[in-house]
Structures are given as C-alpha cells and as structure tokens.
Protein backbone atom coordinates (compact mmCIF):
# COMPACT_ATOMS: atom_id res chain seq x y z
CA MET A 1 42.67 190.34 114.16
CA ARG A 2 41.17 193.78 114.69
CA VAL A 3 37.56 194.77 114.05
CA LYS A 4 37.40 197.82 111.85
CA PRO A 5 35.58 200.73 113.44
CA ALA A 6 32.64 202.09 111.51
CA SER A 7 34.72 204.97 110.17
CA GLU A 8 37.16 202.54 108.49
CA VAL A 9 34.62 200.17 106.99
CA VAL A 10 34.72 200.36 103.21
CA HIS A 11 31.12 200.44 102.06
CA GLU A 12 29.90 199.14 98.76
CA PRO A 13 28.89 201.83 96.25
CA PRO A 14 25.38 203.06 97.07
CA ALA A 15 22.60 201.60 94.99
CA PRO A 16 21.03 204.08 92.58
CA GLU A 17 17.77 205.62 93.67
CA PRO A 18 14.90 203.88 91.88
CA GLY A 19 13.37 207.15 90.58
CA ASN A 20 12.81 210.79 91.47
CA GLU A 21 11.19 211.67 94.76
CA PHE A 22 7.76 212.46 93.35
CA ASP A 23 7.63 209.09 91.53
CA LEU A 24 8.80 207.32 94.67
CA PHE A 25 6.14 209.06 96.76
CA VAL A 26 3.34 208.10 94.37
CA GLN A 27 4.49 204.49 94.11
CA ALA A 28 4.91 204.26 97.89
CA GLN A 29 1.31 205.34 98.47
CA LEU A 30 0.07 202.89 95.85
CA ALA A 31 2.16 200.12 97.43
CA ARG A 32 0.54 200.83 100.80
CA THR A 33 -2.88 200.47 99.22
CA THR A 34 -2.05 197.17 97.52
CA GLY A 35 -0.06 195.66 100.37
CA GLY A 36 3.20 196.08 98.48
CA VAL A 37 1.98 194.15 95.42
CA SER A 38 2.60 195.82 92.07
CA PRO A 39 -0.66 196.10 90.08
CA ILE A 40 1.48 196.62 86.98
CA ALA A 41 3.20 193.26 87.48
CA LEU A 42 -0.19 191.54 87.89
CA THR A 43 -1.59 193.26 84.81
CA LEU A 44 1.40 192.25 82.69
CA ALA A 45 1.16 188.64 83.88
CA PHE A 46 -2.55 188.32 83.12
CA GLU A 47 -2.19 190.13 79.81
CA ASP A 48 0.60 187.74 78.77
CA TRP A 49 -1.48 184.71 79.73
CA TRP A 50 -4.75 185.92 78.23
CA MET A 51 -3.33 187.02 74.87
CA HIS A 52 -1.47 183.75 74.38
CA LEU A 53 -4.52 181.75 75.45
CA ALA A 54 -6.70 183.72 72.99
CA SER A 55 -4.28 182.83 70.19
CA ALA A 56 -4.45 179.11 71.02
CA PRO A 57 -7.84 177.84 69.73
CA GLY A 58 -6.86 174.24 70.38
CA LYS A 59 -6.19 174.94 74.05
CA CYS A 60 -9.45 176.91 74.32
CA ALA A 61 -11.45 174.06 72.78
CA GLU A 62 -9.78 171.59 75.14
CA LEU A 63 -10.70 173.75 78.14
CA ALA A 64 -14.29 174.20 76.92
CA TRP A 65 -14.71 170.45 76.59
CA GLN A 66 -13.14 169.92 80.01
CA TRP A 67 -15.57 172.40 81.56
CA LEU A 68 -18.59 170.65 80.06
CA ALA A 69 -17.30 167.19 81.00
CA ALA A 70 -16.43 168.23 84.57
CA PHE A 71 -20.04 169.02 85.42
CA SER A 72 -21.60 166.07 83.66
CA PRO A 73 -23.53 163.73 86.00
CA PHE A 74 -21.21 160.94 84.81
CA ALA A 75 -17.99 162.80 85.60
CA PRO A 76 -15.62 160.85 87.88
CA ALA A 77 -14.94 162.19 91.36
CA VAL A 78 -11.97 164.52 91.78
CA GLU A 79 -9.53 163.88 94.60
CA ALA A 80 -8.17 166.77 96.67
CA ASP A 81 -4.43 167.40 96.73
CA PRO A 82 -2.63 165.33 99.40
CA ASP A 83 -1.68 168.46 101.36
CA ASP A 84 -5.24 169.87 101.32
CA ARG A 85 -6.74 168.94 104.69
CA ARG A 86 -9.92 171.00 104.47
CA PHE A 87 -12.27 168.18 103.45
CA VAL A 88 -10.89 165.11 105.22
CA GLN A 89 -13.52 164.87 107.98
CA PRO A 90 -16.33 162.29 107.37
CA PRO A 91 -19.19 164.86 107.21
CA TRP A 92 -17.68 166.24 103.99
CA GLN A 93 -18.37 162.90 102.30
CA GLN A 94 -22.13 163.14 102.91
CA TRP A 95 -24.74 164.75 100.65
CA PRO A 96 -25.06 167.66 99.91
CA PHE A 97 -21.63 168.66 101.19
CA ASP A 98 -19.84 166.17 98.95
CA GLN A 99 -21.40 167.97 95.97
CA TYR A 100 -20.09 171.30 97.19
CA VAL A 101 -16.62 169.81 97.51
CA GLN A 102 -16.72 168.20 94.07
CA GLY A 103 -17.85 171.42 92.43
CA PHE A 104 -15.05 173.33 94.11
CA LEU A 105 -12.37 170.75 93.26
CA ARG A 106 -13.48 170.65 89.62
CA CYS A 107 -13.26 174.43 89.35
CA GLN A 108 -9.85 174.26 90.98
CA ARG A 109 -8.63 171.65 88.49
CA PHE A 110 -10.07 173.58 85.53
CA TRP A 111 -8.25 176.79 86.44
CA ARG A 112 -5.05 174.92 87.15
CA ASP A 113 -5.20 173.44 83.65
CA ALA A 114 -6.22 176.79 82.14
CA THR A 115 -3.14 178.48 83.56
CA THR A 116 -0.74 175.65 82.71
CA GLY A 117 0.70 174.68 79.36
CA VAL A 118 -0.27 177.83 77.43
CA ARG A 119 2.40 178.15 74.75
CA GLY A 120 4.44 181.35 74.79
CA VAL A 121 3.61 182.56 78.29
CA ALA A 122 6.67 183.58 80.30
CA PRO A 123 7.18 181.04 83.11
CA HIS A 124 7.14 183.77 85.78
CA HIS A 125 3.88 185.19 84.44
CA ALA A 126 2.33 181.71 84.30
CA ASP A 127 3.28 181.13 87.94
CA VAL A 128 1.78 184.47 88.99
CA VAL A 129 -1.51 183.83 87.16
CA ARG A 130 -1.76 180.31 88.60
CA PHE A 131 -1.07 181.62 92.10
CA VAL A 132 -3.64 184.40 91.88
CA ALA A 133 -6.27 182.02 90.47
CA ARG A 134 -5.65 179.63 93.37
CA GLN A 135 -5.95 182.42 95.93
CA LEU A 136 -9.22 183.67 94.45
CA LEU A 137 -10.65 180.15 94.39
CA ASP A 138 -9.62 179.50 97.99
CA MET A 139 -11.69 182.53 99.02
CA TRP A 140 -14.79 180.67 97.78
CA SER A 141 -14.02 177.31 99.30
CA PRO A 142 -17.14 175.70 100.86
CA SER A 143 -15.17 175.44 104.11
CA ASN A 144 -15.31 179.24 104.46
CA PHE A 145 -19.10 179.60 104.75
CA VAL A 146 -21.60 178.62 107.42
CA GLY A 147 -24.16 177.17 105.02
CA THR A 148 -21.74 174.88 103.19
CA ASN A 149 -19.51 173.67 106.04
CA PRO A 150 -20.83 170.60 107.93
CA GLU A 151 -18.27 171.04 110.70
CA VAL A 152 -19.72 174.45 111.49
CA TRP A 153 -23.26 173.01 111.51
CA ARG A 154 -22.25 170.21 113.88
CA ALA A 155 -20.43 172.58 116.26
CA ALA A 156 -23.41 174.94 116.30
CA LEU A 157 -25.88 172.12 117.04
CA GLU A 158 -23.73 170.57 119.74
CA SER A 159 -23.17 173.92 121.48
CA GLY A 160 -26.70 175.23 121.05
CA GLY A 161 -25.41 178.06 118.86
CA ARG A 162 -22.71 179.12 121.31
CA SER A 163 -19.94 178.44 118.79
CA LEU A 164 -21.43 180.98 116.36
CA VAL A 165 -21.77 183.57 119.11
CA ASP A 166 -18.17 183.01 120.24
CA GLY A 167 -17.01 183.28 116.65
CA ALA A 168 -18.83 186.58 116.18
CA LEU A 169 -17.22 187.91 119.37
CA ASN A 170 -13.79 186.77 118.19
CA TRP A 171 -14.35 188.60 114.90
CA ARG A 172 -15.48 191.77 116.67
CA ASN A 173 -12.51 191.76 119.05
CA ASP A 174 -10.02 191.22 116.24
CA LEU A 175 -11.62 193.96 114.15
CA CYS A 176 -11.43 196.42 117.06
CA ARG A 177 -7.81 195.47 117.70
CA HIS A 178 -6.97 195.98 114.02
CA LEU A 179 -8.74 199.34 113.68
CA ALA A 180 -7.86 200.78 117.08
CA PRO A 181 -5.61 203.88 117.00
CA PRO A 182 -2.11 203.51 118.49
CA TRP A 183 -3.04 205.32 121.70
CA MET A 184 -5.92 202.96 122.50
CA ALA A 185 -5.01 199.73 124.29
CA VAL A 186 -7.11 196.74 123.19
CA PRO A 187 -6.68 193.55 125.25
CA GLU A 188 -4.97 190.64 123.54
CA PRO A 189 -6.82 187.31 123.22
CA PRO A 190 -6.61 185.24 126.41
CA GLY A 191 -3.82 182.71 126.57
CA PRO A 192 -0.25 182.33 127.72
CA GLN A 193 2.16 185.16 126.94
CA TYR A 194 5.73 184.34 125.96
CA ARG A 195 8.16 187.11 126.95
CA PRO A 196 11.84 187.02 126.00
CA GLY A 197 13.96 186.56 129.10
CA VAL A 198 10.98 185.37 131.16
CA ASP A 199 9.23 182.57 129.28
CA VAL A 200 11.46 182.15 126.23
CA ALA A 201 15.14 182.96 125.59
CA VAL A 202 15.93 181.91 129.15
CA THR A 203 19.14 179.89 128.67
CA PRO A 204 21.61 181.48 131.13
CA GLY A 205 24.21 183.73 129.56
CA ASP A 206 25.44 187.30 129.21
CA VAL A 207 25.86 189.93 126.55
CA VAL A 208 29.64 190.23 126.18
CA TYR A 209 29.89 192.56 123.18
CA ARG A 210 27.72 195.25 121.63
CA ASN A 211 28.01 197.59 118.68
CA GLU A 212 25.47 199.59 116.70
CA LEU A 213 24.18 196.49 114.92
CA ILE A 214 24.60 193.44 117.15
CA GLU A 215 24.80 192.15 120.67
CA LEU A 216 26.87 189.01 121.19
CA ILE A 217 25.58 186.59 123.83
CA GLN A 218 27.89 184.07 125.48
CA TYR A 219 25.98 181.25 127.19
CA ALA A 220 27.02 179.86 130.54
CA PRO A 221 28.61 176.38 130.44
CA ARG A 222 26.82 173.40 131.97
CA SER A 223 29.88 171.17 132.30
CA ALA A 224 33.38 171.37 133.79
CA SER A 225 35.02 170.86 130.38
CA VAL A 226 33.97 171.82 126.86
CA TYR A 227 35.08 171.39 123.27
CA ARG A 228 37.88 173.76 122.36
CA GLU A 229 36.09 175.12 119.28
CA PRO A 230 33.17 177.42 120.14
CA VAL A 231 29.89 177.58 118.22
CA LEU A 232 28.89 180.96 116.76
CA ILE A 233 25.24 181.13 115.68
CA VAL A 234 24.29 183.73 113.07
CA PRO A 235 20.48 183.93 112.91
CA SER A 236 18.59 185.76 110.22
CA TRP A 237 17.82 189.41 110.95
CA ILE A 238 14.41 188.86 109.34
CA MET A 239 13.57 187.18 112.65
CA LYS A 240 14.58 187.53 116.28
CA TYR A 241 17.30 185.17 117.41
CA TYR A 242 15.33 183.30 120.08
CA ILE A 243 13.73 181.00 117.50
CA LEU A 244 16.83 178.96 118.43
CA ASP A 245 16.33 179.50 122.18
CA LEU A 246 12.61 179.09 122.78
CA SER A 247 11.32 177.27 125.85
CA PRO A 248 13.90 175.17 127.72
CA GLY A 249 12.49 171.95 126.27
CA ASN A 250 12.96 172.96 122.62
CA SER A 251 15.95 175.29 122.79
CA LEU A 252 18.73 174.42 120.36
CA VAL A 253 21.10 176.64 122.36
CA ARG A 254 20.35 174.79 125.60
CA TYR A 255 20.84 171.46 123.84
CA LEU A 256 24.27 172.46 122.49
CA VAL A 257 25.42 173.82 125.85
CA GLY A 258 24.30 170.59 127.47
CA GLN A 259 26.45 168.62 125.02
CA GLY A 260 29.61 170.47 126.06
CA HIS A 261 29.75 173.26 123.47
CA THR A 262 30.58 176.89 124.20
CA VAL A 263 27.83 178.75 122.38
CA PHE A 264 27.73 182.36 121.22
CA MET A 265 24.70 183.96 119.61
CA ILE A 266 24.38 187.13 117.53
CA SER A 267 21.32 189.18 118.45
CA TRP A 268 20.57 191.70 115.71
CA ARG A 269 19.30 195.18 116.38
CA ASN A 270 15.72 195.94 115.30
CA PRO A 271 16.42 198.88 112.96
CA GLY A 272 14.36 202.02 112.66
CA PRO A 273 14.14 204.80 110.05
CA GLU A 274 17.48 206.19 111.22
CA HIS A 275 19.19 202.96 110.05
CA ARG A 276 17.92 203.16 106.48
CA ALA A 277 21.48 203.34 105.03
CA LEU A 278 22.67 200.06 106.59
CA GLY A 279 23.62 197.69 103.77
CA MET A 280 24.66 194.09 103.34
CA HIS A 281 28.29 195.14 103.81
CA ASP A 282 27.45 196.50 107.27
CA TYR A 283 25.80 193.22 108.23
CA LEU A 284 28.92 191.41 107.08
CA TRP A 285 31.48 193.65 108.82
CA GLN A 286 29.69 194.89 111.92
CA GLY A 287 27.71 191.68 112.28
CA LEU A 288 29.44 188.46 111.28
CA PHE A 289 33.08 189.59 111.28
CA ALA A 290 32.76 191.64 114.48
CA GLY A 291 31.08 188.73 116.26
CA LEU A 292 33.63 186.20 115.02
CA ASP A 293 36.53 188.39 116.15
CA GLU A 294 35.08 188.66 119.65
CA VAL A 295 34.39 184.92 119.87
CA ARG A 296 37.96 184.02 118.90
CA ARG A 297 39.37 186.61 121.30
CA ARG A 298 37.43 185.07 124.18
CA CYS A 299 38.30 181.49 123.20
CA ALA A 300 42.09 181.92 122.89
CA GLY A 301 42.01 182.11 119.10
CA ALA A 302 40.28 178.78 118.56
CA PRO A 303 38.49 178.44 115.21
CA ALA A 304 34.73 178.58 115.51
CA HIS A 305 31.97 176.37 114.18
CA GLY A 306 29.87 178.89 112.23
CA VAL A 307 26.13 178.19 112.21
CA GLY A 308 23.83 180.27 110.01
CA TYR A 309 20.05 180.10 109.84
CA CYS A 310 18.10 181.29 106.78
CA LEU A 311 19.51 184.66 105.65
CA GLY A 312 22.10 184.35 108.42
CA GLY A 313 23.36 181.22 106.65
CA THR A 314 23.61 183.10 103.36
CA LEU A 315 25.65 185.81 105.10
CA LEU A 316 27.85 183.17 106.73
CA ALA A 317 28.57 181.55 103.36
CA ILE A 318 29.41 184.96 101.89
CA GLY A 319 31.69 185.71 104.83
CA ALA A 320 33.53 182.40 104.60
CA ALA A 321 34.17 182.88 100.88
CA ALA A 322 35.26 186.49 101.46
CA MET A 323 37.74 185.38 104.12
CA ALA A 324 39.25 182.95 101.63
CA ASN A 325 40.33 185.82 99.38
CA GLY A 326 41.82 187.83 102.22
CA GLU A 327 38.81 189.88 103.22
CA HIS A 328 39.01 190.11 107.02
CA GLY A 329 41.42 187.38 108.01
CA ARG A 330 41.73 183.78 106.90
CA GLN A 331 39.22 180.99 106.46
CA ASP A 332 41.05 178.83 109.02
CA HIS A 333 39.36 181.01 111.64
CA LEU A 334 36.38 178.73 110.97
CA ALA A 335 36.37 175.05 111.94
CA SER A 336 33.21 174.28 109.96
CA LEU A 337 30.08 175.81 108.49
CA THR A 338 26.50 174.74 109.23
CA LEU A 339 23.82 176.21 107.00
CA LEU A 340 20.25 175.74 108.25
CA ALA A 341 17.55 176.32 105.61
CA ALA A 342 19.86 178.80 103.86
CA GLN A 343 19.97 179.46 100.12
CA THR A 344 23.09 180.33 98.16
CA ASP A 345 21.56 179.91 94.70
CA PHE A 346 18.32 181.85 94.24
CA SER A 347 17.42 180.69 90.74
CA GLU A 348 14.55 178.59 92.15
CA PRO A 349 13.34 180.45 95.25
CA GLY A 350 9.92 178.82 95.28
CA GLU A 351 6.67 180.74 95.58
CA LEU A 352 8.48 183.63 97.23
CA GLY A 353 9.83 184.36 93.76
CA LEU A 354 6.30 185.35 92.71
CA PHE A 355 6.91 188.67 94.44
CA ILE A 356 10.36 189.17 92.91
CA ASP A 357 10.55 190.91 89.56
CA ASP A 358 11.57 194.39 88.43
CA SER A 359 8.09 195.86 88.79
CA GLU A 360 7.47 194.35 92.23
CA LEU A 361 10.84 195.55 93.51
CA ALA A 362 10.27 199.06 92.14
CA PHE A 363 7.12 199.34 94.27
CA LEU A 364 8.77 197.72 97.29
CA ASP A 365 11.81 200.01 96.98
CA ALA A 366 9.50 203.02 96.92
CA LEU A 367 7.69 201.83 100.03
CA MET A 368 10.95 201.21 101.89
CA TRP A 369 12.37 204.55 100.68
CA ASP A 370 9.34 206.30 102.15
CA GLN A 371 9.48 204.46 105.49
CA GLY A 372 13.22 203.86 105.75
CA TYR A 373 12.61 200.16 106.36
CA LEU A 374 10.30 197.26 105.56
CA ASP A 375 7.99 196.63 108.47
CA GLY A 376 7.81 193.10 109.83
CA ASP A 377 4.02 193.04 109.61
CA GLN A 378 4.21 193.95 105.92
CA MET A 379 6.64 191.10 105.33
CA ALA A 380 4.51 188.70 107.39
CA ALA A 381 1.50 189.54 105.21
CA SER A 382 3.41 188.32 102.15
CA PHE A 383 4.24 185.01 103.83
CA GLN A 384 0.62 184.61 104.93
CA LEU A 385 -0.52 185.22 101.36
CA LEU A 386 1.72 182.39 100.17
CA HIS A 387 -0.05 180.01 102.58
CA ALA A 388 -3.44 181.68 102.77
CA ARG A 389 -5.22 178.30 102.82
CA ASP A 390 -3.67 177.36 106.17
CA LEU A 391 -2.64 180.70 107.69
CA VAL A 392 -5.69 182.79 106.73
CA TRP A 393 -8.80 180.86 105.67
CA SER A 394 -8.43 177.81 107.92
CA ARG A 395 -7.64 180.03 110.89
CA MET A 396 -10.61 182.28 110.17
CA MET A 397 -12.88 179.23 109.89
CA ARG A 398 -11.74 177.93 113.28
CA GLU A 399 -11.93 181.25 115.10
CA TYR A 400 -14.93 182.95 113.45
CA LEU A 401 -17.16 180.03 112.39
CA LEU A 402 -16.28 177.41 115.03
CA GLY A 403 -15.60 179.99 117.75
CA ALA A 404 -12.39 178.27 118.85
CA ARG A 405 -9.31 180.42 119.42
CA THR A 406 -6.07 178.93 118.12
CA ALA A 407 -4.02 177.84 121.11
CA SER A 408 -0.87 179.93 121.43
CA ASN A 409 2.58 178.43 121.81
CA ASP A 410 6.12 179.70 122.00
CA LEU A 411 6.75 179.31 118.27
CA MET A 412 3.62 181.29 117.38
CA ALA A 413 4.54 184.01 119.87
CA TRP A 414 8.01 184.27 118.36
CA ASN A 415 6.50 184.47 114.87
CA ALA A 416 4.39 187.45 115.96
CA ASP A 417 7.45 189.24 117.41
CA SER A 418 8.37 190.80 114.08
CA THR A 419 11.41 192.83 113.07
CA ARG A 420 12.13 195.57 110.53
CA LEU A 421 14.59 195.53 107.64
CA PRO A 422 16.63 198.60 106.62
CA PHE A 423 15.85 200.05 103.19
CA ARG A 424 19.32 199.71 101.70
CA MET A 425 20.07 196.22 103.01
CA HIS A 426 16.77 194.73 101.90
CA SER A 427 16.94 196.39 98.51
CA GLU A 428 20.47 195.04 97.95
CA TYR A 429 19.44 191.59 99.14
CA LEU A 430 16.41 191.41 96.85
CA HIS A 431 18.08 192.92 93.77
CA GLN A 432 21.50 191.25 94.00
CA LEU A 433 20.62 187.86 95.43
CA PHE A 434 16.98 187.13 94.60
CA LEU A 435 16.48 188.96 91.32
CA ARG A 436 19.93 188.73 89.67
CA ASN A 437 21.34 185.72 91.58
CA ASP A 438 24.71 187.49 91.76
CA LEU A 439 26.14 185.21 94.46
CA ALA A 440 25.70 181.99 92.52
CA GLU A 441 26.74 183.56 89.22
CA GLY A 442 29.97 185.12 90.51
CA ARG A 443 29.03 188.81 90.41
CA TYR A 444 28.57 189.44 94.14
CA GLN A 445 31.35 191.45 95.79
CA ALA A 446 32.49 192.08 99.35
CA GLY A 447 35.04 194.79 100.03
CA GLY A 448 35.46 195.33 96.31
CA ARG A 449 36.49 191.70 95.72
CA PRO A 450 34.40 188.94 94.13
CA VAL A 451 32.84 186.36 96.42
CA VAL A 452 33.29 182.85 95.03
CA LEU A 453 31.68 180.07 97.05
CA ASP A 454 34.04 177.55 95.49
CA ASP A 455 36.76 179.18 97.63
CA VAL A 456 35.13 177.73 100.76
CA THR A 457 37.21 174.75 101.91
CA VAL A 458 35.96 174.03 105.44
CA PRO A 459 33.49 171.13 105.85
CA LEU A 460 29.81 172.00 105.53
CA TYR A 461 26.70 170.60 107.20
CA VAL A 462 23.76 171.73 105.07
CA LEU A 463 20.26 171.14 106.43
CA ALA A 464 17.04 171.68 104.50
CA THR A 465 13.44 170.88 105.39
CA GLU A 466 10.91 169.07 103.22
CA ARG A 467 8.02 171.55 103.45
CA ASP A 468 10.06 174.75 103.40
CA HIS A 469 8.40 177.42 101.23
CA VAL A 470 10.91 180.13 102.19
CA SER A 471 14.07 178.16 101.31
CA PRO A 472 12.85 175.20 99.21
CA TRP A 473 15.04 172.21 99.84
CA ARG A 474 15.92 171.66 96.18
CA SER A 475 17.13 175.25 96.07
CA VAL A 476 19.23 174.73 99.21
CA TYR A 477 20.67 171.57 97.61
CA LYS A 478 22.15 173.67 94.78
CA ILE A 479 25.14 174.50 96.99
CA HIS A 480 26.59 171.21 95.66
CA LEU A 481 26.99 172.98 92.30
CA LEU A 482 28.76 175.98 93.81
CA CYS A 483 31.19 174.53 96.33
CA ASP A 484 33.66 171.62 96.22
CA ALA A 485 34.16 171.48 99.99
CA PRO A 486 33.00 168.33 101.82
CA ILE A 487 29.21 168.66 102.22
CA ASP A 488 26.99 166.58 104.46
CA PHE A 489 23.45 167.27 103.26
CA VAL A 490 20.51 166.43 105.53
CA LEU A 491 16.80 166.71 104.71
CA ALA A 492 14.53 166.98 107.75
CA THR A 493 10.76 166.82 108.00
CA GLY A 494 8.81 169.96 108.78
CA GLY A 495 8.86 173.49 107.45
CA HIS A 496 11.17 176.47 107.59
CA ASN A 497 10.75 176.99 111.34
CA ALA A 498 9.20 173.83 112.77
CA GLY A 499 11.73 171.67 110.92
CA ILE A 500 14.59 173.50 112.65
CA VAL A 501 12.97 173.55 116.11
CA SER A 502 12.99 169.75 116.21
CA GLU A 503 14.20 168.72 119.63
CA PRO A 504 14.83 165.06 120.52
CA GLY A 505 11.59 163.41 121.54
CA HIS A 506 9.45 165.57 119.27
CA PRO A 507 6.76 163.31 117.76
CA ARG A 508 6.64 162.56 114.03
CA ARG A 509 10.12 163.89 113.31
CA SER A 510 12.65 162.26 111.00
CA TYR A 511 15.43 163.17 108.61
CA ARG A 512 17.15 161.77 105.53
CA VAL A 513 20.89 161.50 105.22
CA ARG A 514 23.24 159.90 102.71
CA PRO A 515 26.93 160.04 103.64
CA ALA A 516 29.08 160.24 100.53
CA PRO A 517 30.97 156.96 99.98
CA ARG A 518 34.75 157.21 100.12
CA GLY A 519 36.21 158.10 96.75
CA ALA A 520 32.77 158.85 95.30
CA SER A 521 32.63 161.51 92.64
CA GLY A 522 30.01 163.02 90.38
CA TYR A 523 26.99 165.15 91.08
CA ARG A 524 23.66 163.61 92.09
CA GLY A 525 20.51 165.60 91.52
CA PRO A 526 18.25 166.34 94.50
CA ASP A 527 15.61 163.76 93.63
CA ALA A 528 18.21 161.05 93.01
CA TRP A 529 19.82 161.94 96.34
CA ARG A 530 16.45 161.69 98.12
CA GLU A 531 15.73 158.25 96.66
CA GLN A 532 19.11 156.93 97.84
CA ALA A 533 19.14 158.63 101.26
CA GLU A 534 18.39 156.72 104.42
CA ARG A 535 15.44 157.84 106.52
CA VAL A 536 16.21 158.09 110.23
CA GLU A 537 13.46 158.47 112.82
CA GLY A 538 13.84 161.24 115.38
CA SER A 539 15.47 164.63 115.59
CA TRP A 540 18.42 165.68 113.44
CA TRP A 541 19.99 167.53 116.42
CA PRO A 542 21.98 164.51 117.76
CA HIS A 543 23.23 163.69 114.26
CA TRP A 544 24.48 167.26 113.85
CA GLN A 545 26.03 167.33 117.31
CA ARG A 546 28.02 164.20 116.53
CA TRP A 547 29.15 165.85 113.28
CA LEU A 548 30.37 168.89 115.25
CA ALA A 549 32.14 166.69 117.79
CA VAL A 550 34.07 164.81 115.09
CA ARG A 551 35.29 168.13 113.68
CA SER A 552 36.36 169.46 117.07
CA SER A 553 39.54 168.79 119.01
CA ALA A 554 39.55 165.53 120.90
CA ALA A 555 40.98 167.13 124.05
CA LEU A 556 38.42 169.05 126.10
CA VAL A 557 39.30 172.33 127.80
CA ALA A 558 38.02 174.44 130.65
CA PRO A 559 35.09 176.69 129.65
CA PRO A 560 36.15 180.22 128.70
CA ALA A 561 35.26 182.77 131.34
CA ILE A 562 32.46 185.25 130.74
CA ALA A 563 34.61 188.31 131.38
CA ARG A 564 33.23 191.85 131.69
CA PRO A 565 29.62 191.12 130.73
CA LEU A 566 27.52 194.08 129.63
CA ALA A 567 24.11 192.70 130.61
CA PRO A 568 22.42 189.38 131.28
CA ALA A 569 20.90 187.51 128.35
CA PRO A 570 18.74 188.02 126.35
CA GLY A 571 20.10 191.55 126.21
CA ARG A 572 18.59 194.81 125.02
CA TYR A 573 18.27 194.52 121.24
CA VAL A 574 15.90 191.55 121.26
CA LEU A 575 13.41 193.57 123.33
CA GLU A 576 13.24 196.45 120.86
CA LYS A 577 9.83 196.83 119.23
C-alpha cells in the first residue's frame, strides 16, 4: 500500500466562509473580549427562559412559595450534592458557618428549580441558563471569602497570619505572570518541572517516520520475542501524545512494551497560522493512514491493533469505516480497534455541548479565522469554566486564602503543555460532528464516500470513564447503536485523563465489565448494562492487555528492527510551543 503524497490527496470541498471579512473581524474582536462565548447565544437562552417563565403564573407562584419557605426558621436542612466537597470539613458544621452554608445551598436549590421544568423552553437554552446560574452562584460561595470560610480562619490562626501573607504573595506573582509582556520573563512557581524527553516521555524509542503533520515513534522492545501484531496509538491532537507516556511508573506505552507488544505512537505537529487550511481529511490521510502504512511496512505487513484516545479514537473509527468501503486499503489491515474515551455519536456530548450551537460556532469560527487556529489556552479556559468549582474557585481558595500552592505532578504539567488546532479542521469537527452529528447519522464523508460505522467488522474494545465530562460515558456507549462488530465495553473509574492514566497499583481504581454471553442478542441501555456489570478492583490495563493478547497470533516473533531512525524519541514535534 502506498501513502499518497500531499499533491495527490483528494481534499474535501472547502467549508464556506462564515461571513464577509469585516463581519468576521468584528466578531473575532468581540469573541476575544468574551473569551469566545457568544453574547447573542446567552441573550437568546435567557430570553427564552424568562419569557416562558413569565407566562407560567403557576410556576412563578410555586417558586415564590419555595423562596419564602426556604428561609423560614423551620425549614429543613439542605444537603449538598454528593460531588460537592467544599463543605465537608467539621468546622463548616459549626455556627455561624453552618448558616452561611445553608443559605448558599438554599439559593442554589432555588435557582436549580427556577431553571428546570419551565414549559416551552428549548432544552439547550434551559441547560445554558442552568449552567450560567450555577457559575454565578459558585462565585459567591462562602468558601471563597475570608470572613465566611472557617478553614481560612483556622489556617491564619495556626500560622500567625502567615497563610494570608503567602496567599497575597501567590496572588501577586500570578497576576504579574499573567500581565507580563511576552519579552519579560517571570519565574514560574517553585516545584518540579516535567520536561518531555527528560522527566516524562522517556520510554526508549526513535522517530522512524515524519511528514508535515506527524512523527511516528517506534519504541524499543524489552523482550527477545513479541506479538506479531503491532500496536499503533493515535492520540488526540487536542493534547500532546505523552499523556500515554508520562513518568515511567504510569506510562501506558512502557506497560505495553513490557508485556511484549511492539508499540508505535503518532506524535502530532503543533500547528501554527500557516497550517490554517489543514482539515479533517488531512488528519485522516497524512495522520492515521500514513502512520498505519509505515507501521505495516516495518512489521512485515502484519495487521495492527489500532488504539485511539479521545478525538484520536473518533478519527480511528472513521478511518476503519472508510477502509471498509475501499478508501485507502482494506479493513483487514487492522487486527482490532481500541477506543479510549472516544465519542462516535455526539447527540449527548455533556456540558461541552453548552458551547456548541450556531451562534457560538459563528463567533468561534471568526476567532479562528482571525488567528488561523484555536489556541490551547483558549480551549483550556472553556474546560476550566465547565469545572470552575474545582479548577478555579477551589484552587484559588487554596492558593490565595490558605497560601498553599497546589503540588505539581506529571499529569498537571502535561495538561499545561497545550496545543493549537487549525482553523479548518476544528471548524469541520465542531460543525460536522458536534453540531450536526453527521458521523452517527450517516452524512459524514471521507474521500467523497460515506462513512458508515456499521461497516466496521474488527473486534472493538471500548473504554469509558465514569466522571468524564469531555466524553460522557453514556455518549461513548452509543457506539453499540452504530456498529454490529463484537464490542467489549469497559467502564473505569476516574475522569477523562486520570481514568486513562490508571496504572496497576494505583489506589482507588476499579472498572466495570460485562462480557456478552454467547448467543446473546438485543440492545441493553447504558444504565441496564451498568447494573449488570461486574465491578473489578484495580487497573483496567491488565484486562485490556489480555484482550489484545487473545486477538494476536499465538506464535511470538522477533522484534522488528528500528531501521533508519530520524531522531530519538520523543522527537521534534512534541517540543513545539
């Protein structure tokens, strides 16, 4: 099989420009001011909610009575949500702090009820209003202020006020670092630094292939014989690949190599403004297909176990279905597919869908058109907004009120090593997959041919995580409705990143699995599946490795040579800022 050079790649028709240049310029500047959030979308959502609430006197009377009853001296205590850990310490149960907490929780419940169950409000608008109300309330949580937080009082008394001084210094240093011009170097907070190739991404290997979009890393074997079928990992280009090769103790790559697998990793280029025209088709051809061709060439044509993480898993599913209809070879070039926290049906994308509608995408398109890409920090701000309670307010309380810097670790350092996304690719991804759900509904095309996931016939290992807000596990589970191939679905504890980086021996890790009985037929919904699944303590990695081994050749072979390497791992692209 031959990789098409860039000149022969048949690109999809270019997406229409979302407006004339003056309109794009104005919307881009407004998007910068609002952090990429469309004020028009927010206005429409609140207008929809408010007008329907105003035309529902019964609902208004119910809310008025609830407000009066909530602040009655005889009102029962309100319990915090199970995942709200702000008020669990004993001092919060003492007067007067318990009164602050109860007042806050009652306001929180009132606004939740006020934004729920209003007849006629579009579900998307109701979700947006509820989300915004929650964010505004979280700003005024008693945990965010010195005078209403007993933990801050106790820390200040025990340290003789030192904690407040340290917090003020932390705030000043962060403010200077945020406002400093690019030419002024401001020291980073003290703590360990995690550098790719030095502290993380240190599994031995070499870059064996490079094009304008990817570097392909082949990892050195750790045994005299290996499975015949190699493992090709396709990470998301929203993140740098070494999430799967962090420190030696929690590196999925190192674990696989140690189990006798020949592992290849795609390392995506960090695009700049000059790459604005790269589209999803380029990521499919110059990324997945180019990498797969090189892997099979180096492994004597053996089919590969494809492993895709997040958006990389979506691309891998698209590629496997495209290969089934003759696009770039045959599907028997794959031995299996493993999809890690990867969505194929985007009809229920979770809270990330709050930022996906026509108005939001018009503003985001304008911003990306102006820059040529979406900056990683801009994208990270959206994810932080989704989890502001934990990622913003709780962190600010610890660092600025308690004076304690959050201890750095390899996962946090990787999370701060952001990437950029080309304008065209990200626009196509958001419009075609997120907004219109073209892949699940049969409208997505690759090479001018429809991509139908039901054409995938190789066995699938589909892993989701319980607290994933990027790829909610019930959304990941929907692949059962799109594909008739054998699917082993596994639900692991943790979130989108920590649930994947779940090495053996990691405390408080478990997973749920329910092998399909022989001859079983019929679809089980996600909640029914969860009730019937067996919970297994420990990491899911050994379970997956056994699954790979069963679907590999029984006879082991000598490791393929690393011929004509271009550079030692981790390569050049992962270091691009």
